[in-house]
Amino acid sequence: MDVVFNLLFTHPIGLLSLFTILFMIGMAIYLVSWYKRKMNDPDE
């Protein structure tokens, strides 16, 4: 497991993978909140 974290946090491809994972999680949280807001909007 130590090798995995070493690769994830020190090598460029690991940092790119980490950024991609965090970006996708952030985008999912944003879209869920946006959809909930749109579903509760009575004007549309």
N, C-alpha and C. Protein backbone atom coordinates (compact mmCIF):
# COMPACT_ATOMS: atom_id res chain seq x y z
N MET A 1 0.83 -1.19 0.00
CA MET A 1 0.00 0.00 0.00
C MET A 1 0.87 1.25 0.00
N ASP A 2 2.05 1.17 0.59
CA ASP A 2 2.96 2.31 0.63
C ASP A 2 3.44 2.68 -0.77
N VAL A 3 3.61 1.67 -1.62
CA VAL A 3 4.04 1.91 -3.00
C VAL A 3 2.95 2.67 -3.77
N VAL A 4 1.70 2.33 -3.50
CA VAL A 4 0.58 2.98 -4.18
C VAL A 4 0.53 4.46 -3.83
N PHE A 5 0.63 4.77 -2.53
CA PHE A 5 0.60 6.17 -2.12
C PHE A 5 1.82 6.93 -2.61
N ASN A 6 2.95 6.28 -2.66
CA ASN A 6 4.16 6.91 -3.19
C ASN A 6 3.98 7.27 -4.66
N LEU A 7 3.43 6.36 -5.42
CA LEU A 7 3.18 6.62 -6.84
C LEU A 7 2.11 7.70 -7.02
N LEU A 8 1.08 7.69 -6.17
CA LEU A 8 -0.02 8.63 -6.31
C LEU A 8 0.40 10.06 -5.99
N PHE A 9 1.24 10.25 -4.99
CA PHE A 9 1.56 11.60 -4.53
C PHE A 9 2.87 12.16 -5.05
N THR A 10 3.71 11.36 -5.68
CA THR A 10 5.01 11.87 -6.10
C THR A 10 5.21 11.90 -7.60
N HIS A 11 4.61 11.02 -8.34
CA HIS A 11 4.82 10.98 -9.78
C HIS A 11 3.76 11.83 -10.50
N PRO A 12 4.12 12.40 -11.63
CA PRO A 12 3.16 13.27 -12.35
C PRO A 12 1.88 12.56 -12.77
N ILE A 13 1.96 11.31 -13.19
CA ILE A 13 0.75 10.60 -13.61
C ILE A 13 -0.14 10.30 -12.40
N GLY A 14 0.46 10.09 -11.25
CA GLY A 14 -0.32 9.89 -10.03
C GLY A 14 -1.04 11.17 -9.61
N LEU A 15 -0.35 12.30 -9.72
CA LEU A 15 -0.98 13.58 -9.38
C LEU A 15 -2.10 13.91 -10.35
N LEU A 16 -1.92 13.58 -11.62
CA LEU A 16 -2.98 13.79 -12.60
C LEU A 16 -4.19 12.91 -12.29
N SER A 17 -3.94 11.68 -11.90
CA SER A 17 -5.03 10.78 -11.53
C SER A 17 -5.77 11.29 -10.30
N LEU A 18 -5.02 11.76 -9.31
CA LEU A 18 -5.63 12.29 -8.10
C LEU A 18 -6.48 13.52 -8.41
N PHE A 19 -5.97 14.41 -9.26
CA PHE A 19 -6.73 15.59 -9.65
C PHE A 19 -8.01 15.18 -10.38
N THR A 20 -7.92 14.19 -11.26
CA THR A 20 -9.09 13.73 -12.01
C THR A 20 -10.15 13.16 -11.09
N ILE A 21 -9.73 12.35 -10.13
CA ILE A 21 -10.68 11.76 -9.18
C ILE A 21 -11.36 12.84 -8.36
N LEU A 22 -10.60 13.79 -7.85
CA LEU A 22 -11.18 14.86 -7.04
C LEU A 22 -12.09 15.76 -7.88
N PHE A 23 -11.72 16.02 -9.13
CA PHE A 23 -12.56 16.82 -10.01
C PHE A 23 -13.89 16.14 -10.28
N MET A 24 -13.87 14.84 -10.52
CA MET A 24 -15.11 14.11 -10.81
C MET A 24 -16.02 14.08 -9.58
N ILE A 25 -15.45 13.91 -8.40
CA ILE A 25 -16.26 13.93 -7.17
C ILE A 25 -16.87 15.31 -6.98
N GLY A 26 -16.09 16.37 -7.18
CA GLY A 26 -16.60 17.72 -7.05
C GLY A 26 -17.69 18.02 -8.06
N MET A 27 -17.52 17.57 -9.28
CA MET A 27 -18.51 17.81 -10.32
C MET A 27 -19.80 17.05 -10.00
N ALA A 28 -19.70 15.85 -9.45
CA ALA A 28 -20.89 15.08 -9.08
C ALA A 28 -21.66 15.78 -7.97
N ILE A 29 -20.95 16.32 -6.97
CA ILE A 29 -21.61 17.04 -5.88
C ILE A 29 -22.31 18.28 -6.41
N TYR A 30 -21.65 19.00 -7.31
CA TYR A 30 -22.26 20.20 -7.89
C TYR A 30 -23.51 19.85 -8.70
N LEU A 31 -23.43 18.81 -9.53
CA LEU A 31 -24.58 18.46 -10.37
C LEU A 31 -25.76 17.97 -9.55
N VAL A 32 -25.50 17.21 -8.50
CA VAL A 32 -26.60 16.74 -7.65
C VAL A 32 -27.29 17.92 -6.98
N SER A 33 -26.52 18.88 -6.48
CA SER A 33 -27.14 20.04 -5.85
C SER A 33 -27.88 20.89 -6.88
N TRP A 34 -27.37 21.00 -8.08
CA TRP A 34 -28.03 21.78 -9.13
C TRP A 34 -29.34 21.12 -9.56
N TYR A 35 -29.31 19.79 -9.73
CA TYR A 35 -30.53 19.08 -10.10
C TYR A 35 -31.59 19.19 -9.00
N LYS A 36 -31.18 19.08 -7.74
CA LYS A 36 -32.14 19.21 -6.64
C LYS A 36 -32.77 20.59 -6.63
N ARG A 37 -31.95 21.62 -6.90
CA ARG A 37 -32.47 22.98 -6.95
C ARG A 37 -33.47 23.13 -8.08
N LYS A 38 -33.16 22.55 -9.24
CA LYS A 38 -34.04 22.66 -10.40
C LYS A 38 -35.35 21.86 -10.18
N MET A 39 -35.28 20.75 -9.50
CA MET A 39 -36.49 19.96 -9.26
C MET A 39 -37.43 20.67 -8.29
N ASN A 40 -36.89 21.44 -7.36
CA ASN A 40 -37.72 22.13 -6.38
C ASN A 40 -38.19 23.48 -6.85
N ASP A 41 -37.77 23.91 -8.02
CA ASP A 41 -38.16 25.22 -8.55
C ASP A 41 -39.56 25.11 -9.18
N PRO A 42 -40.56 25.78 -8.63
CA PRO A 42 -41.93 25.63 -9.17
C PRO A 42 -42.16 26.40 -10.45
N ASP A 43 -41.26 27.32 -10.84
CA ASP A 43 -41.49 28.13 -12.03
C ASP A 43 -41.30 27.36 -13.32
N GLU A 44 -40.53 26.33 -13.30
CA GLU A 44 -40.22 25.61 -14.54
C GLU A 44 -40.99 24.32 -14.66
